[in-house]
Amino acid sequence: MKKLFIILLLILSITNIKAYENDYFKIDIPNDYKEEQIENNVYKWTKDNKYIAITIANNKTLKYDIATYTDEDIEKQKEYLKNNLNSGLEEYKVSVDVTNIEKVNLNDRTILRYNLYYPTKESTGYDIYQIGSVFTTKNYIITIIYSSDNEINENEYSFIDNIVIKDDNVVKIDRTKYIYFTVAVGVILGVIGYIVSLKKRN
């Protein structure tokens, strides 16, 4: 009887996720998220006021390697994120807060993780909370954003633990200039701008 119960639990847990795989990564997405955009290196799934977005940028020339980032690099990344996100939201009079930016280990890779908070309640009816995770590999900068209308707990974000990045680690590092994930941030700005403008129209 106990074995049967465990098997049923496993089956139920399997049906609660759906696998997505392409040339860059594979990941299990919660089953209640709807595929919204899979094009131009932007992958997005939505559920009510929540979404998962993954962007792919080129790292073949820049060869950024988060594993080598110093505290100073991380602080510069924080300022870059804050300044660029805020400049994209000026017309909405929203100022983003960037917190908890740090290097963490995930699946034998060093990634950059940070929290974003948008006080958008007046324009959308709710505030926006996000967790960003950035992978740097031999060929790509892969950014995963999880966005929610509530504060995010660890269980809610645990889907990222199963991601498999299909690329090797960075083998050559070019640290002569700082261009911090421009493409990925630009895409994220577009997503946020779309949400805010959509909710303003409703």
N, C-alpha and C. Protein backbone atom coordinates (compact mmCIF):
# COMPACT_ATOMS: atom_id res chain seq x y z
N MET A 1 0.83 -1.20 0.00
CA MET A 1 0.00 0.00 0.00
C MET A 1 0.87 1.27 0.00
N LYS A 2 1.93 1.23 0.82
CA LYS A 2 2.83 2.38 0.91
C LYS A 2 3.51 2.62 -0.44
N LYS A 3 3.93 1.53 -1.12
CA LYS A 3 4.58 1.66 -2.43
C LYS A 3 3.62 2.28 -3.45
N LEU A 4 2.36 1.85 -3.41
CA LEU A 4 1.35 2.37 -4.33
C LEU A 4 1.16 3.87 -4.12
N PHE A 5 1.13 4.27 -2.86
CA PHE A 5 0.98 5.69 -2.53
C PHE A 5 2.15 6.51 -3.07
N ILE A 6 3.35 5.98 -2.91
CA ILE A 6 4.55 6.68 -3.41
C ILE A 6 4.53 6.79 -4.93
N ILE A 7 4.11 5.71 -5.60
CA ILE A 7 4.02 5.73 -7.06
C ILE A 7 3.01 6.77 -7.53
N LEU A 8 1.87 6.84 -6.84
CA LEU A 8 0.85 7.84 -7.19
C LEU A 8 1.39 9.26 -7.01
N LEU A 9 2.12 9.47 -5.94
CA LEU A 9 2.71 10.79 -5.71
C LEU A 9 3.70 11.15 -6.82
N LEU A 10 4.49 10.18 -7.24
CA LEU A 10 5.45 10.42 -8.32
C LEU A 10 4.75 10.77 -9.62
N ILE A 11 3.68 10.05 -9.92
CA ILE A 11 2.92 10.31 -11.14
C ILE A 11 2.32 11.71 -11.10
N LEU A 12 1.75 12.07 -9.94
CA LEU A 12 1.16 13.40 -9.80
C LEU A 12 2.20 14.49 -9.94
N SER A 13 3.38 14.27 -9.37
CA SER A 13 4.43 15.28 -9.46
C SER A 13 4.93 15.42 -10.89
N ILE A 14 4.96 14.33 -11.64
CA ILE A 14 5.40 14.38 -13.04
C ILE A 14 4.40 15.16 -13.88
N THR A 15 3.12 14.97 -13.63
CA THR A 15 2.11 15.66 -14.44
C THR A 15 2.03 17.14 -14.10
N ASN A 16 2.67 17.59 -13.02
CA ASN A 16 2.63 18.99 -12.66
C ASN A 16 3.71 19.82 -13.34
N ILE A 17 4.52 19.20 -14.16
CA ILE A 17 5.56 19.92 -14.88
C ILE A 17 5.55 19.52 -16.35
N LYS A 18 6.10 20.38 -17.18
CA LYS A 18 6.26 20.02 -18.59
C LYS A 18 7.69 20.37 -19.00
N ALA A 19 8.30 19.47 -19.70
CA ALA A 19 9.69 19.66 -20.11
C ALA A 19 9.75 20.53 -21.35
N TYR A 20 10.71 21.44 -21.36
CA TYR A 20 10.99 22.24 -22.55
C TYR A 20 12.47 22.10 -22.85
N GLU A 21 12.79 21.88 -24.13
CA GLU A 21 14.18 21.69 -24.51
C GLU A 21 14.45 22.32 -25.87
N ASN A 22 15.62 22.97 -25.99
CA ASN A 22 16.07 23.50 -27.28
C ASN A 22 17.58 23.32 -27.38
N ASP A 23 18.22 24.02 -28.31
CA ASP A 23 19.66 23.86 -28.50
C ASP A 23 20.49 24.48 -27.37
N TYR A 24 19.87 25.34 -26.57
CA TYR A 24 20.60 26.07 -25.53
C TYR A 24 20.44 25.47 -24.13
N PHE A 25 19.25 24.99 -23.82
CA PHE A 25 18.97 24.52 -22.47
C PHE A 25 17.78 23.57 -22.47
N LYS A 26 17.63 22.88 -21.33
CA LYS A 26 16.38 22.16 -21.09
C LYS A 26 15.95 22.45 -19.66
N ILE A 27 14.64 22.56 -19.46
CA ILE A 27 14.11 22.95 -18.16
C ILE A 27 12.70 22.40 -18.02
N ASP A 28 12.31 22.11 -16.79
CA ASP A 28 10.94 21.70 -16.50
C ASP A 28 10.16 22.92 -16.02
N ILE A 29 9.11 23.26 -16.74
CA ILE A 29 8.27 24.41 -16.42
C ILE A 29 7.01 23.90 -15.71
N PRO A 30 6.57 24.56 -14.63
CA PRO A 30 5.30 24.15 -13.99
C PRO A 30 4.18 24.08 -15.02
N ASN A 31 3.37 23.05 -14.92
CA ASN A 31 2.38 22.73 -15.94
C ASN A 31 1.32 23.81 -16.12
N ASP A 32 1.07 24.61 -15.09
CA ASP A 32 0.02 25.62 -15.20
C ASP A 32 0.51 26.93 -15.83
N TYR A 33 1.75 26.93 -16.32
CA TYR A 33 2.26 28.10 -17.04
C TYR A 33 2.04 27.91 -18.54
N LYS A 34 1.56 28.95 -19.19
CA LYS A 34 1.25 28.89 -20.62
C LYS A 34 2.40 29.47 -21.44
N GLU A 35 2.77 28.76 -22.48
CA GLU A 35 3.82 29.24 -23.38
C GLU A 35 3.31 30.47 -24.11
N GLU A 36 4.05 31.57 -24.00
CA GLU A 36 3.60 32.83 -24.61
C GLU A 36 4.50 33.28 -25.75
N GLN A 37 5.81 33.14 -25.59
CA GLN A 37 6.74 33.63 -26.62
C GLN A 37 7.95 32.71 -26.70
N ILE A 38 8.18 32.17 -27.88
CA ILE A 38 9.36 31.37 -28.13
C ILE A 38 9.94 31.84 -29.47
N GLU A 39 10.68 32.95 -29.45
CA GLU A 39 11.25 33.48 -30.68
C GLU A 39 12.33 34.50 -30.36
N ASN A 40 13.23 34.72 -31.32
CA ASN A 40 14.28 35.73 -31.19
C ASN A 40 15.07 35.59 -29.89
N ASN A 41 15.35 34.35 -29.52
CA ASN A 41 16.11 34.06 -28.31
C ASN A 41 15.45 34.56 -27.03
N VAL A 42 14.12 34.68 -27.05
CA VAL A 42 13.33 34.99 -25.87
C VAL A 42 12.33 33.86 -25.67
N TYR A 43 12.31 33.31 -24.46
CA TYR A 43 11.42 32.19 -24.13
C TYR A 43 10.62 32.61 -22.91
N LYS A 44 9.28 32.58 -23.02
CA LYS A 44 8.46 33.12 -21.95
C LYS A 44 7.23 32.25 -21.71
N TRP A 45 6.95 32.02 -20.43
CA TRP A 45 5.76 31.28 -20.01
C TRP A 45 5.05 32.11 -18.95
N THR A 46 3.71 32.17 -19.01
CA THR A 46 2.96 33.04 -18.10
C THR A 46 1.87 32.27 -17.35
N LYS A 47 1.55 32.80 -16.19
CA LYS A 47 0.43 32.31 -15.38
C LYS A 47 -0.11 33.50 -14.59
N ASP A 48 -1.29 33.97 -14.96
CA ASP A 48 -1.88 35.15 -14.32
C ASP A 48 -0.88 36.31 -14.38
N ASN A 49 -0.49 36.85 -13.22
CA ASN A 49 0.46 37.97 -13.19
C ASN A 49 1.89 37.51 -12.93
N LYS A 50 2.18 36.25 -13.20
CA LYS A 50 3.52 35.70 -13.00
C LYS A 50 4.07 35.27 -14.36
N TYR A 51 5.38 35.26 -14.48
CA TYR A 51 5.96 34.71 -15.70
C TYR A 51 7.38 34.22 -15.45
N ILE A 52 7.81 33.33 -16.34
CA ILE A 52 9.19 32.86 -16.41
C ILE A 52 9.71 33.30 -17.78
N ALA A 53 10.83 34.03 -17.81
CA ALA A 53 11.40 34.48 -19.08
C ALA A 53 12.87 34.09 -19.13
N ILE A 54 13.29 33.56 -20.25
CA ILE A 54 14.69 33.19 -20.46
C ILE A 54 15.18 33.87 -21.73
N THR A 55 16.30 34.58 -21.62
CA THR A 55 16.87 35.24 -22.79
C THR A 55 18.28 34.71 -23.04
N ILE A 56 18.65 34.68 -24.31
CA ILE A 56 19.97 34.19 -24.73
C ILE A 56 20.70 35.33 -25.44
N ALA A 57 21.90 35.65 -24.96
CA ALA A 57 22.74 36.65 -25.61
C ALA A 57 24.08 36.02 -25.96
N ASN A 58 24.80 36.66 -26.86
CA ASN A 58 26.07 36.13 -27.35
C ASN A 58 27.22 36.43 -26.39
N ASN A 59 28.03 35.43 -26.08
CA ASN A 59 29.21 35.62 -25.23
C ASN A 59 30.49 35.14 -25.93
N LYS A 60 30.40 34.89 -27.25
CA LYS A 60 31.55 34.33 -27.97
C LYS A 60 32.72 35.30 -28.01
N THR A 61 32.43 36.59 -28.15
CA THR A 61 33.50 37.59 -28.23
C THR A 61 33.90 38.12 -26.86
N LEU A 62 32.90 38.45 -26.05
CA LEU A 62 33.17 39.08 -24.75
C LEU A 62 33.78 38.12 -23.74
N LYS A 63 33.34 36.87 -23.76
CA LYS A 63 33.85 35.84 -22.85
C LYS A 63 33.73 36.23 -21.38
N TYR A 64 32.59 36.80 -21.01
CA TYR A 64 32.36 37.10 -19.60
C TYR A 64 32.28 35.81 -18.81
N ASP A 65 32.84 35.84 -17.61
CA ASP A 65 32.84 34.66 -16.75
C ASP A 65 32.49 35.09 -15.33
N ILE A 66 31.27 34.83 -14.91
CA ILE A 66 30.81 35.26 -13.59
C ILE A 66 31.67 34.66 -12.49
N ALA A 67 32.23 33.49 -12.73
CA ALA A 67 33.06 32.84 -11.70
C ALA A 67 34.24 33.71 -11.30
N THR A 68 34.68 34.60 -12.18
CA THR A 68 35.85 35.44 -11.89
C THR A 68 35.46 36.80 -11.33
N TYR A 69 34.17 37.08 -11.20
CA TYR A 69 33.73 38.40 -10.75
C TYR A 69 34.20 38.69 -9.32
N THR A 70 34.72 39.90 -9.14
CA THR A 70 35.10 40.37 -7.81
C THR A 70 33.91 41.09 -7.18
N ASP A 71 34.04 41.47 -5.91
CA ASP A 71 33.00 42.26 -5.25
C ASP A 71 32.77 43.57 -6.00
N GLU A 72 33.84 44.15 -6.51
CA GLU A 72 33.71 45.40 -7.27
C GLU A 72 32.92 45.18 -8.56
N ASP A 73 33.18 44.07 -9.25
CA ASP A 73 32.44 43.75 -10.47
C ASP A 73 30.95 43.59 -10.17
N ILE A 74 30.64 42.92 -9.07
CA ILE A 74 29.25 42.68 -8.70
C ILE A 74 28.55 44.01 -8.38
N GLU A 75 29.26 44.90 -7.70
CA GLU A 75 28.69 46.21 -7.39
C GLU A 75 28.43 47.00 -8.66
N LYS A 76 29.36 46.92 -9.63
CA LYS A 76 29.17 47.60 -10.91
C LYS A 76 27.98 47.01 -11.66
N GLN A 77 27.84 45.69 -11.59
CA GLN A 77 26.69 45.04 -12.23
C GLN A 77 25.38 45.52 -11.62
N LYS A 78 25.38 45.67 -10.30
CA LYS A 78 24.18 46.15 -9.60
C LYS A 78 23.80 47.55 -10.08
N GLU A 79 24.79 48.45 -10.17
CA GLU A 79 24.52 49.80 -10.62
C GLU A 79 24.06 49.82 -12.07
N TYR A 80 24.68 48.96 -12.89
CA TYR A 80 24.29 48.88 -14.30
C TYR A 80 22.82 48.45 -14.43
N LEU A 81 22.46 47.39 -13.71
CA LEU A 81 21.07 46.92 -13.74
C LEU A 81 20.11 48.02 -13.30
N LYS A 82 20.42 48.63 -12.17
CA LYS A 82 19.53 49.65 -11.61
C LYS A 82 19.36 50.81 -12.57
N ASN A 83 20.47 51.33 -13.10
CA ASN A 83 20.40 52.50 -13.99
C ASN A 83 19.65 52.19 -15.28
N ASN A 84 19.92 51.03 -15.87
CA ASN A 84 19.29 50.70 -17.15
C ASN A 84 17.82 50.34 -16.99
N LEU A 85 17.48 49.63 -15.95
CA LEU A 85 16.08 49.33 -15.72
C LEU A 85 15.29 50.59 -15.42
N ASN A 86 15.84 51.47 -14.60
CA ASN A 86 15.14 52.71 -14.26
C ASN A 86 14.98 53.62 -15.46
N SER A 87 16.00 53.68 -16.33
CA SER A 87 15.88 54.54 -17.51
C SER A 87 14.79 54.03 -18.45
N GLY A 88 14.55 52.73 -18.45
CA GLY A 88 13.49 52.17 -19.29
C GLY A 88 12.11 52.32 -18.69
N LEU A 89 12.03 52.74 -17.43
CA LEU A 89 10.74 52.86 -16.75
C LEU A 89 10.42 54.31 -16.37
N GLU A 90 11.19 55.26 -16.89
CA GLU A 90 11.00 56.66 -16.51
C GLU A 90 9.57 57.15 -16.77
N GLU A 91 9.01 56.77 -17.92
CA GLU A 91 7.68 57.27 -18.27
C GLU A 91 6.60 56.74 -17.34
N TYR A 92 6.89 55.64 -16.62
CA TYR A 92 5.92 55.09 -15.68
C TYR A 92 6.13 55.61 -14.26
N LYS A 93 7.19 56.42 -14.08
CA LYS A 93 7.52 56.97 -12.75
C LYS A 93 7.69 55.85 -11.73
N VAL A 94 8.38 54.81 -12.16
CA VAL A 94 8.66 53.66 -11.29
C VAL A 94 10.17 53.55 -11.13
N SER A 95 10.62 53.32 -9.91
CA SER A 95 12.04 53.16 -9.63
C SER A 95 12.29 51.76 -9.07
N VAL A 96 13.12 51.00 -9.76
CA VAL A 96 13.37 49.61 -9.37
C VAL A 96 14.41 49.55 -8.27
N ASP A 97 14.25 48.58 -7.38
CA ASP A 97 15.21 48.34 -6.31
C ASP A 97 15.93 47.02 -6.61
N VAL A 98 17.27 47.05 -6.66
CA VAL A 98 18.07 45.85 -6.91
C VAL A 98 18.72 45.43 -5.59
N THR A 99 18.46 44.20 -5.14
CA THR A 99 19.00 43.75 -3.86
C THR A 99 19.54 42.33 -3.98
N ASN A 100 20.25 41.91 -2.95
CA ASN A 100 20.74 40.53 -2.81
C ASN A 100 21.49 40.04 -4.05
N ILE A 101 22.29 40.91 -4.65
CA ILE A 101 23.03 40.49 -5.83
C ILE A 101 24.31 39.78 -5.38
N GLU A 102 24.47 38.54 -5.83
CA GLU A 102 25.61 37.74 -5.35
C GLU A 102 25.88 36.58 -6.30
N LYS A 103 27.09 36.04 -6.18
CA LYS A 103 27.44 34.82 -6.91
C LYS A 103 26.95 33.63 -6.09
N VAL A 104 26.32 32.67 -6.78
CA VAL A 104 25.89 31.44 -6.12
C VAL A 104 26.24 30.26 -7.02
N ASN A 105 26.27 29.08 -6.45
CA ASN A 105 26.53 27.87 -7.23
C ASN A 105 25.22 27.17 -7.55
N LEU A 106 25.06 26.78 -8.80
CA LEU A 106 23.87 26.05 -9.24
C LEU A 106 24.30 25.01 -10.26
N ASN A 107 24.08 23.75 -9.93
CA ASN A 107 24.41 22.66 -10.85
C ASN A 107 25.85 22.75 -11.37
N ASP A 108 26.78 22.93 -10.45
CA ASP A 108 28.21 22.98 -10.76
C ASP A 108 28.61 24.18 -11.63
N ARG A 109 27.79 25.22 -11.62
CA ARG A 109 28.13 26.45 -12.32
C ARG A 109 28.02 27.62 -11.34
N THR A 110 28.87 28.62 -11.54
CA THR A 110 28.76 29.85 -10.75
C THR A 110 27.89 30.82 -11.53
N ILE A 111 26.81 31.28 -10.90
CA ILE A 111 25.89 32.20 -11.56
C ILE A 111 25.76 33.46 -10.73
N LEU A 112 25.19 34.49 -11.34
CA LEU A 112 24.89 35.73 -10.63
C LEU A 112 23.39 35.76 -10.38
N ARG A 113 23.01 35.96 -9.13
CA ARG A 113 21.58 36.00 -8.78
C ARG A 113 21.28 37.32 -8.10
N TYR A 114 20.10 37.86 -8.37
CA TYR A 114 19.70 39.14 -7.77
C TYR A 114 18.18 39.21 -7.66
N ASN A 115 17.72 40.11 -6.80
CA ASN A 115 16.29 40.36 -6.63
C ASN A 115 15.96 41.75 -7.14
N LEU A 116 14.81 41.87 -7.77
CA LEU A 116 14.31 43.16 -8.25
C LEU A 116 12.93 43.40 -7.65
N TYR A 117 12.67 44.66 -7.31
CA TYR A 117 11.35 45.03 -6.79
C TYR A 117 10.88 46.29 -7.50
N TYR A 118 9.68 46.22 -8.08
CA TYR A 118 9.08 47.35 -8.78
C TYR A 118 7.83 47.79 -8.01
N PRO A 119 7.80 49.00 -7.46
CA PRO A 119 6.59 49.47 -6.78
C PRO A 119 5.56 49.98 -7.80
N THR A 120 4.88 49.05 -8.43
CA THR A 120 3.98 49.39 -9.55
C THR A 120 2.49 49.31 -9.18
N LYS A 121 2.20 49.26 -7.89
CA LYS A 121 0.81 49.03 -7.47
C LYS A 121 -0.15 50.09 -8.01
N GLU A 122 0.30 51.33 -8.07
CA GLU A 122 -0.59 52.40 -8.53
C GLU A 122 -0.96 52.25 -9.99
N SER A 123 -0.05 51.73 -10.81
CA SER A 123 -0.33 51.61 -12.24
C SER A 123 -0.88 50.24 -12.64
N THR A 124 -0.52 49.20 -11.90
CA THR A 124 -0.95 47.85 -12.29
C THR A 124 -1.91 47.20 -11.31
N GLY A 125 -1.99 47.74 -10.10
CA GLY A 125 -2.83 47.12 -9.07
C GLY A 125 -2.04 46.18 -8.18
N TYR A 126 -0.77 45.96 -8.51
CA TYR A 126 0.09 45.10 -7.69
C TYR A 126 1.55 45.48 -7.92
N ASP A 127 2.38 45.19 -6.94
CA ASP A 127 3.81 45.38 -7.09
C ASP A 127 4.40 44.17 -7.82
N ILE A 128 5.59 44.35 -8.39
CA ILE A 128 6.25 43.27 -9.12
C ILE A 128 7.54 42.88 -8.41
N TYR A 129 7.68 41.57 -8.16
CA TYR A 129 8.87 41.02 -7.52
C TYR A 129 9.54 40.08 -8.54
N GLN A 130 10.87 40.17 -8.65
CA GLN A 130 11.56 39.31 -9.59
C GLN A 130 12.84 38.75 -8.98
N ILE A 131 13.19 37.55 -9.43
CA ILE A 131 14.51 36.99 -9.17
C ILE A 131 15.16 36.75 -10.52
N GLY A 132 16.38 37.25 -10.67
CA GLY A 132 17.14 37.04 -11.89
C GLY A 132 18.33 36.13 -11.64
N SER A 133 18.60 35.23 -12.56
CA SER A 133 19.79 34.37 -12.50
C SER A 133 20.49 34.44 -13.85
N VAL A 134 21.80 34.72 -13.81
CA VAL A 134 22.56 34.89 -15.05
C VAL A 134 23.66 33.83 -15.12
N PHE A 135 23.68 33.08 -16.23
CA PHE A 135 24.71 32.09 -16.52
C PHE A 135 25.61 32.65 -17.61
N THR A 136 26.92 32.52 -17.45
CA THR A 136 27.84 32.83 -18.54
C THR A 136 28.52 31.53 -18.95
N THR A 137 28.47 31.23 -20.25
CA THR A 137 29.08 30.02 -20.78
C THR A 137 30.03 30.38 -21.90
N LYS A 138 30.61 29.39 -22.51
CA LYS A 138 31.57 29.61 -23.60
C LYS A 138 30.98 30.47 -24.71
N ASN A 139 29.71 30.26 -25.02
CA ASN A 139 29.09 30.96 -26.16
C ASN A 139 27.96 31.91 -25.80
N TYR A 140 27.39 31.78 -24.60
CA TYR A 140 26.15 32.50 -24.30
C TYR A 140 26.15 33.18 -22.94
N ILE A 141 25.31 34.21 -22.85
CA ILE A 141 24.88 34.78 -21.57
C ILE A 141 23.39 34.45 -21.48
N ILE A 142 23.03 33.63 -20.53
CA ILE A 142 21.65 33.17 -20.39
C ILE A 142 21.08 33.77 -19.11
N THR A 143 20.00 34.54 -19.26
CA THR A 143 19.36 35.19 -18.12
C THR A 143 17.98 34.59 -17.92
N ILE A 144 17.70 34.18 -16.69
CA ILE A 144 16.38 33.64 -16.33
C ILE A 144 15.74 34.60 -15.33
N ILE A 145 14.57 35.09 -15.68
CA ILE A 145 13.82 35.98 -14.79
C ILE A 145 12.54 35.28 -14.36
N TYR A 146 12.32 35.24 -13.07
CA TYR A 146 11.00 34.81 -12.56
C TYR A 146 10.33 36.03 -11.97
N SER A 147 9.13 36.34 -12.43
CA SER A 147 8.40 37.54 -12.02
C SER A 147 7.08 37.15 -11.38
N SER A 148 6.75 37.83 -10.27
CA SER A 148 5.53 37.50 -9.53
C SER A 148 4.90 38.77 -8.98
N ASP A 149 3.60 38.70 -8.72
CA ASP A 149 2.91 39.82 -8.08
C ASP A 149 2.90 39.67 -6.56
N ASN A 150 3.63 38.68 -6.06
CA ASN A 150 3.80 38.49 -4.61
C ASN A 150 5.28 38.27 -4.32
N GLU A 151 5.66 38.46 -3.07
CA GLU A 151 7.03 38.15 -2.68
C GLU A 151 7.30 36.68 -2.98
N ILE A 152 8.49 36.38 -3.47
CA ILE A 152 8.81 35.04 -3.98
C ILE A 152 9.50 34.22 -2.90
N ASN A 153 8.97 33.01 -2.67
CA ASN A 153 9.64 32.12 -1.72
C ASN A 153 10.49 31.10 -2.48
N GLU A 154 11.35 30.42 -1.76
CA GLU A 154 12.31 29.50 -2.39
C GLU A 154 11.62 28.37 -3.13
N ASN A 155 10.54 27.83 -2.58
CA ASN A 155 9.82 26.73 -3.24
C ASN A 155 9.27 27.16 -4.59
N GLU A 156 8.79 28.38 -4.65
CA GLU A 156 8.20 28.90 -5.88
C GLU A 156 9.25 29.02 -6.99
N TYR A 157 10.50 29.24 -6.59
CA TYR A 157 11.58 29.44 -7.56
C TYR A 157 12.40 28.17 -7.79
N SER A 158 12.00 27.08 -7.18
CA SER A 158 12.80 25.85 -7.23
C SER A 158 12.85 25.22 -8.62
N PHE A 159 11.97 25.64 -9.54
CA PHE A 159 11.99 25.08 -10.89
C PHE A 159 13.35 25.28 -11.56
N ILE A 160 14.07 26.34 -11.16
CA ILE A 160 15.36 26.62 -11.80
C ILE A 160 16.41 25.55 -11.47
N ASP A 161 16.20 24.81 -10.39
CA ASP A 161 17.19 23.81 -9.98
C ASP A 161 17.39 22.72 -11.02
N ASN A 162 16.36 22.51 -11.87
CA ASN A 162 16.46 21.41 -12.84
C ASN A 162 17.00 21.85 -14.20
N ILE A 163 17.38 23.13 -14.35
CA ILE A 163 17.82 23.59 -15.67
C ILE A 163 19.17 22.96 -16.04
N VAL A 164 19.29 22.60 -17.31
CA VAL A 164 20.54 22.08 -17.85
C VAL A 164 20.96 23.01 -18.99
N ILE A 165 22.11 23.64 -18.85
CA ILE A 165 22.64 24.53 -19.88
C ILE A 165 23.50 23.71 -20.82
N LYS A 166 23.22 23.78 -22.12
CA LYS A 166 23.92 22.95 -23.10
C LYS A 166 25.12 23.70 -23.71
N ASP A 167 26.04 24.05 -22.85
CA ASP A 167 27.25 24.71 -23.34
C ASP A 167 28.34 24.56 -22.28
N ASP A 168 29.58 24.66 -22.72
CA ASP A 168 30.72 24.53 -21.80
C ASP A 168 30.95 25.83 -21.04
N ASN A 169 31.73 25.74 -19.99
CA ASN A 169 32.13 26.93 -19.25
C ASN A 169 33.05 27.79 -20.10
N VAL A 170 33.19 29.05 -19.70
CA VAL A 170 34.06 29.99 -20.40
C VAL A 170 35.50 29.50 -20.33
N VAL A 171 36.20 29.54 -21.47
CA VAL A 171 37.59 29.08 -21.48
C VAL A 171 38.59 30.23 -21.61
N LYS A 172 38.14 31.37 -22.10
CA LYS A 172 39.04 32.52 -22.23
C LYS A 172 38.30 33.75 -21.70
N ILE A 173 38.98 34.55 -20.89
CA ILE A 173 38.33 35.67 -20.25
C ILE A 173 38.89 36.98 -20.80
N ASP A 174 38.01 37.85 -21.25
CA ASP A 174 38.40 39.18 -21.69
C ASP A 174 37.81 40.18 -20.71
N ARG A 175 38.66 40.80 -19.88
CA ARG A 175 38.17 41.72 -18.87
C ARG A 175 38.61 43.16 -19.18
N THR A 176 38.80 43.48 -20.45
CA THR A 176 39.30 44.81 -20.81
C THR A 176 38.19 45.85 -20.83
N LYS A 177 36.94 45.44 -20.86
CA LYS A 177 35.84 46.40 -20.87
C LYS A 177 34.64 45.79 -20.19
N TYR A 178 33.74 46.66 -19.74
CA TYR A 178 32.55 46.22 -19.02
C TYR A 178 31.31 46.55 -19.83
N ILE A 179 30.75 45.54 -20.44
CA ILE A 179 29.44 45.67 -21.08
C ILE A 179 28.57 44.62 -20.41
N TYR A 180 27.73 45.05 -19.50
CA TYR A 180 27.05 44.11 -18.62
C TYR A 180 25.70 43.63 -19.16
N PHE A 181 25.74 42.54 -19.88
CA PHE A 181 24.52 41.84 -20.28
C PHE A 181 23.49 42.76 -20.94
N THR A 182 23.94 43.59 -21.87
CA THR A 182 23.09 44.59 -22.50
C THR A 182 21.87 43.98 -23.16
N VAL A 183 22.08 42.94 -23.93
CA VAL A 183 20.97 42.36 -24.69
C VAL A 183 19.93 41.80 -23.75
N ALA A 184 20.35 41.03 -22.75
CA ALA A 184 19.41 40.41 -21.83
C ALA A 184 18.60 41.44 -21.07
N VAL A 185 19.26 42.49 -20.58
CA VAL A 185 18.55 43.52 -19.84
C VAL A 185 17.57 44.25 -20.73
N GLY A 186 17.96 44.49 -21.99
CA GLY A 186 17.05 45.16 -22.92
C GLY A 186 15.77 44.38 -23.13
N VAL A 187 15.89 43.08 -23.22
CA VAL A 187 14.71 42.24 -23.39
C VAL A 187 13.84 42.29 -22.16
N ILE A 188 14.48 42.22 -20.98
CA ILE A 188 13.72 42.26 -19.73
C ILE A 188 12.97 43.58 -19.63
N LEU A 189 13.61 44.68 -20.03
CA LEU A 189 12.95 45.98 -20.02
C LEU A 189 11.69 45.96 -20.88
N GLY A 190 11.80 45.34 -22.05
CA GLY A 190 10.64 45.24 -22.93
C GLY A 190 9.50 44.47 -22.30
N VAL A 191 9.84 43.41 -21.60
CA VAL A 191 8.81 42.60 -20.95
C VAL A 191 8.11 43.41 -19.86
N ILE A 192 8.91 44.10 -19.03
CA ILE A 192 8.34 44.90 -17.95
C ILE A 192 7.50 46.04 -18.51
N GLY A 193 8.05 46.73 -19.53
CA GLY A 193 7.31 47.82 -20.14
C GLY A 193 5.98 47.37 -20.70
N TYR A 194 5.97 46.18 -21.29
CA TYR A 194 4.74 45.63 -21.83
C TYR A 194 3.71 45.38 -20.74
N ILE A 195 4.14 44.79 -19.64
CA ILE A 195 3.22 44.50 -18.54
C ILE A 195 2.62 45.78 -17.99
N VAL A 196 3.49 46.78 -17.73
CA VAL A 196 3.00 48.02 -17.14
C VAL A 196 2.03 48.73 -18.08
N SER A 197 2.38 48.80 -19.36
CA SER A 197 1.51 49.50 -20.30
C SER A 197 0.20 48.75 -20.50
N LEU A 198 0.26 47.42 -20.51
CA LEU A 198 -0.95 46.61 -20.66
C LEU A 198 -1.90 46.86 -19.51
N LYS A 199 -1.38 46.83 -18.27
CA LYS A 199 -2.22 47.02 -17.11
C LYS A 199 -2.77 48.45 -17.04
N LYS A 200 -2.00 49.43 -17.55
CA LYS A 200 -2.50 50.81 -17.56
C LYS A 200 -3.71 50.94 -18.48
N ARG A 201 -3.71 50.19 -19.58
CA ARG A 201 -4.81 50.26 -20.53
C ARG A 201 -6.06 49.62 -20.02
N ASN A 202 -5.92 48.62 -19.12
CA ASN A 202 -7.09 47.88 -18.61
C ASN A 202 -7.83 48.64 -17.53
